[in-house]
Amino acid sequence: MSTATAPAAASGATTSLTMAQALNTALRDAMREDPTVLVMGEDVGTLGGVFRITDGLAAEFGADRCLDTPLAEAGILGSAVGMAMYGLRPVVELQFDAFAYPAFEQLLSHVAKMRNRTAGRLPLPITIRIPYGGGIGGVEHHSDSSEAYYAHTPGLHVLTPATVADGYGMLRAAIASDDPVVFLEPKRLYWSKDEITPGPVEPIGRAVVRRQGTSATLLTYGPSLPVCLEAAEVARAEGWDLAVVDLRSLTPFDDETVTAAVRATGRAVVVHEATGFGGPGAEIAARVTERCFHHLAAPVLRVTGFDIPYPPPMLERHHLPGVDRILDAVARLQWEQ
C-alpha cells in the first residue's frame, strides 16, 4: 500500500482518505508547519514504513528529518528523549506492538517522568506511534493489545483513533502536545476510508458518542469501534437500541462523557481486544460503577480478548470480541436486575 499519491488534505477542504493516508498527511502537515518536528524509526525513510505511513516524507524533508534507525527500540526512544530535551519534537515509530517492549524502560523511567522530575521545567514533546491490535492475520508479536501497560504509567497520554478523521486530527494533537503521547494505531483500520475535512486541532482527552441509544451503552475504542457499531445495528432486530461511545483517549479519561452516556441507559458493556484480567475494561468498569452506581440497572460487563497469549491467525476470530459476544453480554444485562 502506498500513500504517496494521497490527495492533499488542505485545511477546510474535504478529501477522501484511508486512515493510513490520513496519518501520513498529518505527519506531512506537522513537518511543514514546524521545522522542529522529525520522524524516526525502523524503515520509516526509504521504505516509508512497513505500513507506508511515512511514505514520501524522506523525499520531501530529507534524511535529517525522516531518519531510518537501527533495529534497537530502546536506542530509538532514548535518542528521542535527548532530542526532545534540546527542543525538537520527535515522532517515533515502533514498528509493531510487541516490538515496542524493549523501549519500555526508556518510556517508564525517562519519558513518563522527566516533566515531573524537573518540576515542569523540562517537558518531553515526544509522540510514540505504535501499530497495535489484531484482525490482520498476524503471527505472534504482531497483534498485541498492550494499551494497559501505557495507560497504567503516570505521565503519559494514551490515544487511539478509530476513524479516518481522528487519525488525522488526533495525531496532529499528539504532535502539538508538550507532554509525551503514546499513539496507538489500529492496524486493521489502516485501510478504512472516509471523507475528512482537516480543521483546528482538538484538545486531547475527549470521548465521542458515535451512536445514541436507550437500552444500553457500549464503551469502546480503536479497533473495536466498528464491531460495536455493527452490533448496535444487529441489535435492532432484538428490539435493543444501543448507544456507542468511542473513548479515543485512555489517559486522560473523559469521565464526563462516559458517565452521562451510561446514566442515560442504566446499562453498560466495555468492549476491547486486550485481555480481560487487568485490562483497560477493569478500570473503566470501576470508574463507571463508582460514578453511576445509583443509575445502574445491572453490573457493568466486559467483552474482551481471552486471557491467553495472542493465538495463531486461524484462531483470532474466536479470540477477538465479535458481534455475537457483544450481543450475548447485552442480553445478560436485560436479566441482571
C-alpha atoms as a PDB file:
ATOM      1  CA  MET A   1       0.000   0.000   0.000  1.00  0.00           C
ATOM      2  CA  SER A   2       1.371   3.417  -0.913  1.00  0.00           C
ATOM      3  CA  THR A   3       0.256   6.738   0.489  1.00  0.00           C
ATOM      4  CA  ALA A   4       2.450   8.848  -1.759  1.00  0.00           C
ATOM      5  CA  THR A   5      -0.430   9.600  -4.140  1.00  0.00           C
ATOM      6  CA  ALA A   6      -2.869  10.514  -1.369  1.00  0.00           C
ATOM      7  CA  PRO A   7      -4.854  13.665  -2.193  1.00  0.00           C
ATOM      8  CA  ALA A   8      -3.664  16.766  -0.395  1.00  0.00           C
ATOM      9  CA  ALA A   9      -5.818  17.454   2.665  1.00  0.00           C
ATOM     10  CA  ALA A  10      -5.657  21.225   2.854  1.00  0.00           C
ATOM     11  CA  SER A  11      -7.302  22.842   5.847  1.00  0.00           C
ATOM     12  CA  GLY A  12     -11.017  23.301   5.170  1.00  0.00           C
ATOM     13  CA  ALA A  13     -11.033  21.026   2.073  1.00  0.00           C
ATOM     14  CA  THR A  14     -12.978  17.760   2.173  1.00  0.00           C
ATOM     15  CA  THR A  15     -10.817  14.860   0.985  1.00  0.00           C
ATOM     16  CA  SER A  16     -11.371  11.093   0.744  1.00  0.00           C
ATOM     17  CA  LEU A  17      -8.539   9.249   2.510  1.00  0.00           C
ATOM     18  CA  THR A  18      -7.725   5.928   4.107  1.00  0.00           C
ATOM     19  CA  MET A  19      -6.620   6.080   7.710  1.00  0.00           C
ATOM     20  CA  ALA A  20      -3.059   5.306   6.574  1.00  0.00           C
ATOM     21  CA  GLN A  21      -3.193   8.275   4.219  1.00  0.00           C
ATOM     22  CA  ALA A  22      -4.700  10.480   6.919  1.00  0.00           C
ATOM     23  CA  LEU A  23      -1.839   9.645   9.273  1.00  0.00           C
ATOM     24  CA  ASN A  24       0.670  10.288   6.505  1.00  0.00           C
ATOM     25  CA  THR A  25      -0.968  13.648   5.784  1.00  0.00           C
ATOM     26  CA  ALA A  26      -0.941  14.577   9.481  1.00  0.00           C
ATOM     27  CA  LEU A  27       2.798  13.893   9.676  1.00  0.00           C
ATOM     28  CA  ARG A  28       3.484  15.843   6.489  1.00  0.00           C
ATOM     29  CA  ASP A  29       1.392  18.836   7.588  1.00  0.00           C
ATOM     30  CA  ALA A  30       3.043  18.911  11.032  1.00  0.00           C
ATOM     31  CA  MET A  31       6.535  18.747   9.490  1.00  0.00           C
ATOM     32  CA  ARG A  32       5.726  21.519   7.034  1.00  0.00           C
ATOM     33  CA  GLU A  33       4.381  23.801   9.751  1.00  0.00           C
ATOM     34  CA  ASP A  34       7.053  23.164  12.394  1.00  0.00           C
ATOM     35  CA  PRO A  35      10.714  22.579  11.488  1.00  0.00           C
ATOM     36  CA  THR A  36      11.371  21.032  14.921  1.00  0.00           C
ATOM     37  CA  VAL A  37       9.135  18.030  14.076  1.00  0.00           C
ATOM     38  CA  LEU A  38      11.026  14.982  12.831  1.00  0.00           C
ATOM     39  CA  VAL A  39      10.163  11.335  12.226  1.00  0.00           C
ATOM     40  CA  MET A  40      12.383   8.417  13.184  1.00  0.00           C
ATOM     41  CA  GLY A  41      12.147   4.638  13.332  1.00  0.00           C
ATOM     42  CA  GLU A  42      12.904   1.376  11.595  1.00  0.00           C
ATOM     43  CA  ASP A  43      12.336   1.585   7.818  1.00  0.00           C
ATOM     44  CA  VAL A  44      10.461   4.900   8.014  1.00  0.00           C
ATOM     45  CA  GLY A  45      12.736   6.611   5.475  1.00  0.00           C
ATOM     46  CA  THR A  46      13.445   4.959   2.131  1.00  0.00           C
ATOM     47  CA  LEU A  47      10.766   2.278   2.539  1.00  0.00           C
ATOM     48  CA  GLY A  48       8.155   4.603   4.033  1.00  0.00           C
ATOM     49  CA  GLY A  49       7.375   2.271   6.931  1.00  0.00           C
ATOM     50  CA  VAL A  50       6.074  -1.295   6.845  1.00  0.00           C
ATOM     51  CA  PHE A  51       2.530   0.100   6.554  1.00  0.00           C
ATOM     52  CA  ARG A  52       3.708   3.028   4.365  1.00  0.00           C
ATOM     53  CA  ILE A  53       2.569   5.609   6.915  1.00  0.00           C
ATOM     54  CA  THR A  54       5.752   7.641   6.349  1.00  0.00           C
ATOM     55  CA  ASP A  55       5.757   7.212   2.570  1.00  0.00           C
ATOM     56  CA  GLY A  56       7.290  10.181   0.769  1.00  0.00           C
ATOM     57  CA  LEU A  57       8.441  12.045   3.893  1.00  0.00           C
ATOM     58  CA  ALA A  58      12.146  11.333   3.389  1.00  0.00           C
ATOM     59  CA  ALA A  59      11.946  12.531  -0.207  1.00  0.00           C
ATOM     60  CA  GLU A  60      10.293  15.799   0.837  1.00  0.00           C
ATOM     61  CA  PHE A  61      12.107  16.590   4.078  1.00  0.00           C
ATOM     62  CA  GLY A  62      15.397  14.759   3.743  1.00  0.00           C
ATOM     63  CA  ALA A  63      17.185  12.165   5.850  1.00  0.00           C
ATOM     64  CA  ASP A  64      17.787  14.662   8.676  1.00  0.00           C
ATOM     65  CA  ARG A  65      14.055  14.892   9.402  1.00  0.00           C
ATOM     66  CA  CYS A  66      12.910  11.388   8.402  1.00  0.00           C
ATOM     67  CA  LEU A  67      15.521   9.085   9.896  1.00  0.00           C
ATOM     68  CA  ASP A  68      15.975   5.371   9.392  1.00  0.00           C
ATOM     69  CA  THR A  69      17.273   3.884  12.642  1.00  0.00           C
ATOM     70  CA  PRO A  70      18.938   0.616  13.670  1.00  0.00           C
ATOM     71  CA  LEU A  71      16.764  -2.229  14.954  1.00  0.00           C
ATOM     72  CA  ALA A  72      17.094  -1.063  18.556  1.00  0.00           C
ATOM     73  CA  GLU A  73      13.877   0.207  20.085  1.00  0.00           C
ATOM     74  CA  ALA A  74      15.461   1.282  23.385  1.00  0.00           C
ATOM     75  CA  GLY A  75      18.049   3.245  21.430  1.00  0.00           C
ATOM     76  CA  ILE A  76      15.391   4.844  19.222  1.00  0.00           C
ATOM     77  CA  LEU A  77      13.354   6.107  22.145  1.00  0.00           C
ATOM     78  CA  GLY A  78      16.428   7.032  24.204  1.00  0.00           C
ATOM     79  CA  SER A  79      17.676   9.154  21.301  1.00  0.00           C
ATOM     80  CA  ALA A  80      14.252  10.809  21.073  1.00  0.00           C
ATOM     81  CA  VAL A  81      14.494  11.757  24.750  1.00  0.00           C
ATOM     82  CA  GLY A  82      17.743  13.621  24.086  1.00  0.00           C
ATOM     83  CA  MET A  83      16.285  15.310  21.007  1.00  0.00           C
ATOM     84  CA  ALA A  84      13.219  16.489  22.930  1.00  0.00           C
ATOM     85  CA  MET A  85      15.411  17.816  25.758  1.00  0.00           C
ATOM     86  CA  TYR A  86      17.171  20.011  23.185  1.00  0.00           C
ATOM     87  CA  GLY A  87      13.997  21.461  21.685  1.00  0.00           C
ATOM     88  CA  LEU A  88      12.963  19.055  18.938  1.00  0.00           C
ATOM     89  CA  ARG A  89       9.579  17.323  18.629  1.00  0.00           C
ATOM     90  CA  PRO A  90      10.406  13.735  17.578  1.00  0.00           C
ATOM     91  CA  VAL A  91       7.728  11.375  16.294  1.00  0.00           C
ATOM     92  CA  VAL A  92       8.938   7.831  16.923  1.00  0.00           C
ATOM     93  CA  GLU A  93       7.556   4.787  15.124  1.00  0.00           C
ATOM     94  CA  LEU A  94       7.915   1.482  16.973  1.00  0.00           C
ATOM     95  CA  GLN A  95       7.163  -0.905  14.154  1.00  0.00           C
ATOM     96  CA  PHE A  96       4.768  -3.343  15.846  1.00  0.00           C
ATOM     97  CA  ASP A  97       3.021  -3.509  19.218  1.00  0.00           C
ATOM     98  CA  ALA A  98       5.133  -6.335  20.661  1.00  0.00           C
ATOM     99  CA  PHE A  99       8.338  -4.900  19.153  1.00  0.00           C
ATOM    100  CA  ALA A 100       7.903  -1.857  21.413  1.00  0.00           C
ATOM    101  CA  TYR A 101       8.664  -3.682  24.659  1.00  0.00           C
ATOM    102  CA  PRO A 102      12.471  -3.253  24.545  1.00  0.00           C
ATOM    103  CA  ALA A 103      11.842   0.514  24.710  1.00  0.00           C
ATOM    104  CA  PHE A 104       9.625   0.248  27.779  1.00  0.00           C
ATOM    105  CA  GLU A 105      12.396   1.027  30.272  1.00  0.00           C
ATOM    106  CA  GLN A 106      13.102   4.318  28.496  1.00  0.00           C
ATOM    107  CA  LEU A 107       9.394   5.053  28.411  1.00  0.00           C
ATOM    108  CA  LEU A 108       8.790   4.282  32.074  1.00  0.00           C
ATOM    109  CA  SER A 109      11.952   5.713  33.608  1.00  0.00           C
ATOM    110  CA  HIS A 110      12.505   8.817  31.497  1.00  0.00           C
ATOM    111  CA  VAL A 111       9.767   9.723  29.001  1.00  0.00           C
ATOM    112  CA  ALA A 112       6.928   9.487  31.513  1.00  0.00           C
ATOM    113  CA  LYS A 113       8.811  11.047  34.444  1.00  0.00           C
ATOM    114  CA  MET A 114      11.010  13.825  33.068  1.00  0.00           C
ATOM    115  CA  ARG A 115       8.474  16.633  33.399  1.00  0.00           C
ATOM    116  CA  ASN A 116       7.677  15.680  36.997  1.00  0.00           C
ATOM    117  CA  ARG A 117      11.353  15.105  37.789  1.00  0.00           C
ATOM    118  CA  THR A 118      12.190  18.658  36.679  1.00  0.00           C
ATOM    119  CA  ALA A 119       9.158  20.282  38.361  1.00  0.00           C
ATOM    120  CA  GLY A 120       7.704  21.105  34.950  1.00  0.00           C
ATOM    121  CA  ARG A 121      10.774  22.859  33.579  1.00  0.00           C
ATOM    122  CA  LEU A 122      11.617  20.170  31.021  1.00  0.00           C
ATOM    123  CA  PRO A 123       8.702  18.766  29.012  1.00  0.00           C
ATOM    124  CA  LEU A 124       9.267  15.944  26.546  1.00  0.00           C
ATOM    125  CA  PRO A 125       7.109  16.538  23.446  1.00  0.00           C
ATOM    126  CA  ILE A 126       7.549  13.035  22.034  1.00  0.00           C
ATOM    127  CA  THR A 127       4.890  11.185  20.030  1.00  0.00           C
ATOM    128  CA  ILE A 128       5.351   7.410  20.056  1.00  0.00           C
ATOM    129  CA  ARG A 129       3.423   5.763  17.229  1.00  0.00           C
ATOM    130  CA  ILE A 130       2.670   2.067  17.751  1.00  0.00           C
ATOM    131  CA  PRO A 131       0.601  -0.054  15.321  1.00  0.00           C
ATOM    132  CA  TYR A 132      -1.408  -2.373  17.579  1.00  0.00           C
ATOM    133  CA  GLY A 133      -4.190  -4.927  17.781  1.00  0.00           C
ATOM    134  CA  GLY A 134      -5.273  -7.918  15.746  1.00  0.00           C
ATOM    135  CA  GLY A 135      -7.583  -8.635  12.870  1.00  0.00           C
ATOM    136  CA  ILE A 136      -4.934  -8.785  10.119  1.00  0.00           C
ATOM    137  CA  GLY A 137      -3.934 -12.451  10.394  1.00  0.00           C
ATOM    138  CA  GLY A 138      -0.646 -11.556  12.019  1.00  0.00           C
ATOM    139  CA  VAL A 139       1.538 -14.055  13.844  1.00  0.00           C
ATOM    140  CA  GLU A 140       2.856 -13.800  17.400  1.00  0.00           C
ATOM    141  CA  HIS A 141       4.480 -10.422  18.216  1.00  0.00           C
ATOM    142  CA  HIS A 142       2.368  -8.689  15.547  1.00  0.00           C
ATOM    143  CA  SER A 143      -1.092  -8.465  17.121  1.00  0.00           C
ATOM    144  CA  ASP A 144      -0.725  -7.455  20.780  1.00  0.00           C
ATOM    145  CA  SER A 145      -3.069  -5.049  22.526  1.00  0.00           C
ATOM    146  CA  SER A 146      -0.658  -3.536  25.023  1.00  0.00           C
ATOM    147  CA  GLU A 147      -2.556  -0.376  25.896  1.00  0.00           C
ATOM    148  CA  ALA A 148      -2.944  -1.286  29.579  1.00  0.00           C
ATOM    149  CA  TYR A 149       0.827  -1.031  30.127  1.00  0.00           C
ATOM    150  CA  TYR A 150       0.873   2.532  28.853  1.00  0.00           C
ATOM    151  CA  ALA A 151      -2.375   3.643  30.463  1.00  0.00           C
ATOM    152  CA  HIS A 152      -1.025   2.381  33.810  1.00  0.00           C
ATOM    153  CA  THR A 153       2.025   4.654  33.511  1.00  0.00           C
ATOM    154  CA  PRO A 154       1.518   8.145  35.008  1.00  0.00           C
ATOM    155  CA  GLY A 155       2.956  10.931  32.878  1.00  0.00           C
ATOM    156  CA  LEU A 156       1.786   9.610  29.510  1.00  0.00           C
ATOM    157  CA  HIS A 157      -1.162  10.467  27.309  1.00  0.00           C
ATOM    158  CA  VAL A 158      -2.524   7.341  25.592  1.00  0.00           C
ATOM    159  CA  LEU A 159      -4.610   7.929  22.456  1.00  0.00           C
ATOM    160  CA  THR A 160      -6.100   5.616  19.851  1.00  0.00           C
ATOM    161  CA  PRO A 161      -8.114   6.742  16.811  1.00  0.00           C
ATOM    162  CA  ALA A 162     -10.916   4.671  15.319  1.00  0.00           C
ATOM    163  CA  THR A 163     -11.948   6.874  12.388  1.00  0.00           C
ATOM    164  CA  VAL A 164     -10.088   8.396   9.475  1.00  0.00           C
ATOM    165  CA  ALA A 165     -10.813  11.921  10.684  1.00  0.00           C
ATOM    166  CA  ASP A 166      -9.450  11.101  14.133  1.00  0.00           C
ATOM    167  CA  GLY A 167      -6.385   9.528  12.579  1.00  0.00           C
ATOM    168  CA  TYR A 168      -5.529  12.944  11.181  1.00  0.00           C
ATOM    169  CA  GLY A 169      -6.790  15.198  13.972  1.00  0.00           C
ATOM    170  CA  MET A 170      -5.600  13.181  16.944  1.00  0.00           C
ATOM    171  CA  LEU A 171      -2.104  12.684  15.506  1.00  0.00           C
ATOM    172  CA  ARG A 172      -1.842  16.435  14.938  1.00  0.00           C
ATOM    173  CA  ALA A 173      -2.924  16.980  18.562  1.00  0.00           C
ATOM    174  CA  ALA A 174      -0.375  14.429  19.798  1.00  0.00           C
ATOM    175  CA  ILE A 175       2.492  16.085  17.945  1.00  0.00           C
ATOM    176  CA  ALA A 176       1.434  19.520  19.230  1.00  0.00           C
ATOM    177  CA  SER A 177       1.320  18.312  22.848  1.00  0.00           C
ATOM    178  CA  ASP A 178       4.169  19.243  25.188  1.00  0.00           C
ATOM    179  CA  ASP A 179       3.552  16.004  27.069  1.00  0.00           C
ATOM    180  CA  PRO A 180       4.623  12.605  25.728  1.00  0.00           C
ATOM    181  CA  VAL A 181       1.893  10.744  23.846  1.00  0.00           C
ATOM    182  CA  VAL A 182       1.651   7.028  23.115  1.00  0.00           C
ATOM    183  CA  PHE A 183      -0.345   6.984  19.885  1.00  0.00           C
ATOM    184  CA  LEU A 184      -1.811   3.538  19.264  1.00  0.00           C
ATOM    185  CA  GLU A 185      -2.839   2.924  15.654  1.00  0.00           C
ATOM    186  CA  PRO A 186      -5.296   0.041  14.989  1.00  0.00           C
ATOM    187  CA  LYS A 187      -3.654  -1.951  12.205  1.00  0.00           C
ATOM    188  CA  ARG A 188      -6.915  -3.424  10.970  1.00  0.00           C
ATOM    189  CA  LEU A 189      -8.285   0.093  10.342  1.00  0.00           C
ATOM    190  CA  TYR A 190      -5.379   1.381   8.241  1.00  0.00           C
ATOM    191  CA  TRP A 191      -7.353   0.639   5.062  1.00  0.00           C
ATOM    192  CA  SER A 192     -10.695   2.051   6.231  1.00  0.00           C
ATOM    193  CA  LYS A 193     -11.690   5.016   4.089  1.00  0.00           C
ATOM    194  CA  ASP A 194     -13.762   8.131   4.645  1.00  0.00           C
ATOM    195  CA  GLU A 195     -14.043  11.783   3.740  1.00  0.00           C
ATOM    196  CA  ILE A 196     -12.415  14.205   6.158  1.00  0.00           C
ATOM    197  CA  THR A 197     -12.191  17.949   6.479  1.00  0.00           C
ATOM    198  CA  PRO A 198      -8.997  18.836   8.367  1.00  0.00           C
ATOM    199  CA  GLY A 199      -9.603  21.689  10.771  1.00  0.00           C
ATOM    200  CA  PRO A 200      -8.379  23.055  14.096  1.00  0.00           C
ATOM    201  CA  VAL A 201      -6.569  20.580  16.350  1.00  0.00           C
ATOM    202  CA  GLU A 202      -8.941  19.245  19.011  1.00  0.00           C
ATOM    203  CA  PRO A 203      -7.921  19.056  22.666  1.00  0.00           C
ATOM    204  CA  ILE A 204      -6.685  15.710  23.931  1.00  0.00           C
ATOM    205  CA  GLY A 205      -8.884  13.688  26.257  1.00  0.00           C
ATOM    206  CA  ARG A 206     -12.434  13.850  24.898  1.00  0.00           C
ATOM    207  CA  ALA A 207     -14.631  10.857  24.109  1.00  0.00           C
ATOM    208  CA  VAL A 208     -17.309  10.970  21.395  1.00  0.00           C
ATOM    209  CA  VAL A 209     -20.786   9.430  21.337  1.00  0.00           C
ATOM    210  CA  ARG A 210     -20.865   7.722  17.940  1.00  0.00           C
ATOM    211  CA  ARG A 211     -24.418   6.431  18.299  1.00  0.00           C
ATOM    212  CA  GLN A 212     -27.236   7.455  20.611  1.00  0.00           C
ATOM    213  CA  GLY A 213     -29.325   4.738  22.277  1.00  0.00           C
ATOM    214  CA  THR A 214     -31.652   3.966  25.153  1.00  0.00           C
ATOM    215  CA  SER A 215     -31.222   0.250  26.010  1.00  0.00           C
ATOM    216  CA  ALA A 216     -27.528   0.024  26.946  1.00  0.00           C
ATOM    217  CA  THR A 217     -24.221   1.794  26.327  1.00  0.00           C
ATOM    218  CA  LEU A 218     -21.236   0.162  24.611  1.00  0.00           C
ATOM    219  CA  LEU A 219     -17.928   1.719  25.702  1.00  0.00           C
ATOM    220  CA  THR A 220     -15.078   1.018  23.301  1.00  0.00           C
ATOM    221  CA  TYR A 221     -12.115   2.416  21.402  1.00  0.00           C
ATOM    222  CA  GLY A 222      -9.782   1.815  18.483  1.00  0.00           C
ATOM    223  CA  PRO A 223     -10.254  -1.416  16.503  1.00  0.00           C
ATOM    224  CA  SER A 224     -13.400  -2.434  18.394  1.00  0.00           C
ATOM    225  CA  LEU A 225     -15.451   0.621  17.401  1.00  0.00           C
ATOM    226  CA  PRO A 226     -16.618  -0.732  14.007  1.00  0.00           C
ATOM    227  CA  VAL A 227     -17.545  -4.040  15.678  1.00  0.00           C
ATOM    228  CA  CYS A 228     -19.638  -2.238  18.285  1.00  0.00           C
ATOM    229  CA  LEU A 229     -21.386  -0.130  15.651  1.00  0.00           C
ATOM    230  CA  GLU A 230     -22.200  -3.308  13.719  1.00  0.00           C
ATOM    231  CA  ALA A 231     -23.503  -4.942  16.908  1.00  0.00           C
ATOM    232  CA  ALA A 232     -25.723  -1.916  17.529  1.00  0.00           C
ATOM    233  CA  GLU A 233     -27.258  -2.290  14.069  1.00  0.00           C
ATOM    234  CA  VAL A 234     -27.837  -6.040  14.509  1.00  0.00           C
ATOM    235  CA  ALA A 235     -29.341  -5.391  17.959  1.00  0.00           C
ATOM    236  CA  ARG A 236     -32.271  -3.585  16.366  1.00  0.00           C
ATOM    237  CA  ALA A 237     -33.731  -6.969  15.411  1.00  0.00           C
ATOM    238  CA  GLU A 238     -33.825  -7.851  19.113  1.00  0.00           C
ATOM    239  CA  GLY A 239     -35.556  -4.601  19.957  1.00  0.00           C
ATOM    240  CA  TRP A 240     -32.457  -3.107  21.610  1.00  0.00           C
ATOM    241  CA  ASP A 241     -31.336   0.451  20.992  1.00  0.00           C
ATOM    242  CA  LEU A 242     -27.626   0.606  21.824  1.00  0.00           C
ATOM    243  CA  ALA A 243     -25.539   3.725  22.376  1.00  0.00           C
ATOM    244  CA  VAL A 244     -21.878   3.536  21.340  1.00  0.00           C
ATOM    245  CA  VAL A 245     -19.161   5.688  22.910  1.00  0.00           C
ATOM    246  CA  ASP A 246     -15.718   5.956  21.310  1.00  0.00           C
ATOM    247  CA  LEU A 247     -13.329   6.684  24.191  1.00  0.00           C
ATOM    248  CA  ARG A 248     -10.477   7.842  21.888  1.00  0.00           C
ATOM    249  CA  SER A 249      -8.283   8.724  24.911  1.00  0.00           C
ATOM    250  CA  LEU A 250      -7.465   6.181  27.628  1.00  0.00           C
ATOM    251  CA  THR A 251      -5.443   8.742  29.556  1.00  0.00           C
ATOM    252  CA  PRO A 252      -6.635  11.343  30.195  1.00  0.00           C
ATOM    253  CA  PHE A 253     -10.040   9.673  30.561  1.00  0.00           C
ATOM    254  CA  ASP A 254     -13.273  11.505  29.760  1.00  0.00           C
ATOM    255  CA  ASP A 255     -15.384  10.642  32.808  1.00  0.00           C
ATOM    256  CA  GLU A 256     -17.941  13.337  31.949  1.00  0.00           C
ATOM    257  CA  THR A 257     -18.978  11.958  28.558  1.00  0.00           C
ATOM    258  CA  VAL A 258     -18.858   8.333  29.692  1.00  0.00           C
ATOM    259  CA  THR A 259     -20.843   8.964  32.871  1.00  0.00           C
ATOM    260  CA  ALA A 260     -23.566  10.876  31.027  1.00  0.00           C
ATOM    261  CA  ALA A 261     -23.904   8.139  28.386  1.00  0.00           C
ATOM    262  CA  VAL A 262     -24.170   5.330  30.961  1.00  0.00           C
ATOM    263  CA  ARG A 263     -26.606   7.184  33.190  1.00  0.00           C
ATOM    264  CA  ALA A 264     -28.861   7.718  30.179  1.00  0.00           C
ATOM    265  CA  THR A 265     -29.281   3.949  29.630  1.00  0.00           C
ATOM    266  CA  GLY A 266     -28.559   2.418  33.044  1.00  0.00           C
ATOM    267  CA  ARG A 267     -26.558  -0.406  31.490  1.00  0.00           C
ATOM    268  CA  ALA A 268     -23.014  -0.640  30.125  1.00  0.00           C
ATOM    269  CA  VAL A 269     -20.694  -3.063  28.331  1.00  0.00           C
ATOM    270  CA  VAL A 270     -16.977  -2.347  27.827  1.00  0.00           C
ATOM    271  CA  VAL A 271     -15.511  -3.844  24.649  1.00  0.00           C
ATOM    272  CA  HIS A 272     -11.824  -4.120  23.733  1.00  0.00           C
ATOM    273  CA  GLU A 273      -9.330  -6.568  22.203  1.00  0.00           C
ATOM    274  CA  ALA A 274      -6.927  -6.548  25.164  1.00  0.00           C
ATOM    275  CA  THR A 275      -7.198  -9.329  27.730  1.00  0.00           C
ATOM    276  CA  GLY A 276      -9.886  -9.076  30.381  1.00  0.00           C
ATOM    277  CA  PHE A 277      -7.878  -9.576  33.571  1.00  0.00           C
ATOM    278  CA  GLY A 278      -6.137  -6.315  34.409  1.00  0.00           C
ATOM    279  CA  GLY A 279      -7.195  -4.831  31.079  1.00  0.00           C
ATOM    280  CA  PRO A 280      -8.451  -1.282  30.476  1.00  0.00           C
ATOM    281  CA  GLY A 281     -12.027  -2.523  30.823  1.00  0.00           C
ATOM    282  CA  ALA A 282     -11.462  -3.288  34.505  1.00  0.00           C
ATOM    283  CA  GLU A 283     -10.562   0.341  35.244  1.00  0.00           C
ATOM    284  CA  ILE A 284     -13.365   1.651  33.051  1.00  0.00           C
ATOM    285  CA  ALA A 285     -15.919  -0.615  34.748  1.00  0.00           C
ATOM    286  CA  ALA A 286     -14.705   0.525  38.177  1.00  0.00           C
ATOM    287  CA  ARG A 287     -14.948   4.215  37.246  1.00  0.00           C
ATOM    288  CA  VAL A 288     -18.428   3.764  35.791  1.00  0.00           C
ATOM    289  CA  THR A 289     -19.619   1.846  38.846  1.00  0.00           C
ATOM    290  CA  GLU A 290     -18.255   4.476  41.245  1.00  0.00           C
ATOM    291  CA  ARG A 291     -19.882   7.353  39.362  1.00  0.00           C
ATOM    292  CA  CYS A 292     -23.111   5.733  38.159  1.00  0.00           C
ATOM    293  CA  PHE A 293     -23.945   3.201  40.881  1.00  0.00           C
ATOM    294  CA  HIS A 294     -27.435   4.520  41.642  1.00  0.00           C
ATOM    295  CA  HIS A 295     -28.249   4.745  37.929  1.00  0.00           C
ATOM    296  CA  LEU A 296     -27.216   1.184  37.035  1.00  0.00           C
ATOM    297  CA  ALA A 297     -29.868  -1.472  36.477  1.00  0.00           C
ATOM    298  CA  ALA A 298     -27.218  -4.199  36.076  1.00  0.00           C
ATOM    299  CA  PRO A 299     -23.488  -4.703  36.671  1.00  0.00           C
ATOM    300  CA  VAL A 300     -21.049  -3.311  34.113  1.00  0.00           C
ATOM    301  CA  LEU A 301     -19.951  -6.183  31.866  1.00  0.00           C
ATOM    302  CA  ARG A 302     -16.849  -6.663  29.727  1.00  0.00           C
ATOM    303  CA  VAL A 303     -16.307  -8.303  26.342  1.00  0.00           C
ATOM    304  CA  THR A 304     -12.575  -8.680  25.728  1.00  0.00           C
ATOM    305  CA  GLY A 305      -9.849 -10.832  24.296  1.00  0.00           C
ATOM    306  CA  PHE A 306      -9.270 -14.022  26.243  1.00  0.00           C
ATOM    307  CA  ASP A 307      -6.604 -14.207  28.956  1.00  0.00           C
ATOM    308  CA  ILE A 308      -4.100 -16.026  26.754  1.00  0.00           C
ATOM    309  CA  PRO A 309      -1.114 -15.088  24.577  1.00  0.00           C
ATOM    310  CA  TYR A 310      -2.335 -13.977  21.160  1.00  0.00           C
ATOM    311  CA  PRO A 311      -3.432 -17.067  19.207  1.00  0.00           C
ATOM    312  CA  PRO A 312      -2.407 -18.197  15.699  1.00  0.00           C
ATOM    313  CA  PRO A 313      -4.131 -16.376  12.813  1.00  0.00           C
ATOM    314  CA  MET A 314      -6.600 -19.195  12.202  1.00  0.00           C
ATOM    315  CA  LEU A 315      -7.995 -18.751  15.727  1.00  0.00           C
ATOM    316  CA  GLU A 316      -8.033 -14.972  16.099  1.00  0.00           C
ATOM    317  CA  ARG A 317     -11.689 -14.649  15.028  1.00  0.00           C
ATOM    318  CA  HIS A 318     -12.597 -16.641  18.131  1.00  0.00           C
ATOM    319  CA  HIS A 319     -10.268 -14.600  20.339  1.00  0.00           C
ATOM    320  CA  LEU A 320     -11.354 -11.115  19.299  1.00  0.00           C
ATOM    321  CA  PRO A 321     -14.657  -9.626  20.507  1.00  0.00           C
ATOM    322  CA  GLY A 322     -17.330 -10.078  17.842  1.00  0.00           C
ATOM    323  CA  VAL A 323     -20.945  -9.128  17.333  1.00  0.00           C
ATOM    324  CA  ASP A 324     -22.305 -12.342  18.878  1.00  0.00           C
ATOM    325  CA  ARG A 325     -20.266 -11.995  22.075  1.00  0.00           C
ATOM    326  CA  ILE A 326     -21.268  -8.350  22.438  1.00  0.00           C
ATOM    327  CA  LEU A 327     -24.970  -9.135  21.983  1.00  0.00           C
ATOM    328  CA  ASP A 328     -24.699 -12.040  24.451  1.00  0.00           C
ATOM    329  CA  ALA A 329     -23.441  -9.535  27.038  1.00  0.00           C
ATOM    330  CA  VAL A 330     -26.264  -7.124  26.220  1.00  0.00           C
ATOM    331  CA  ALA A 331     -28.753  -9.958  26.690  1.00  0.00           C
ATOM    332  CA  ARG A 332     -27.289 -10.654  30.137  1.00  0.00           C
ATOM    333  CA  LEU A 333     -27.791  -7.018  31.059  1.00  0.00           C
ATOM    334  CA  GLN A 334     -31.523  -7.316  30.467  1.00  0.00           C
ATOM    335  CA  TRP A 335     -31.830 -10.059  33.100  1.00  0.00           C
ATOM    336  CA  GLU A 336     -29.383  -8.924  35.752  1.00  0.00           C
ATOM    337  CA  GLN A 337     -31.712  -6.563  37.580  1.00  0.00           C
END
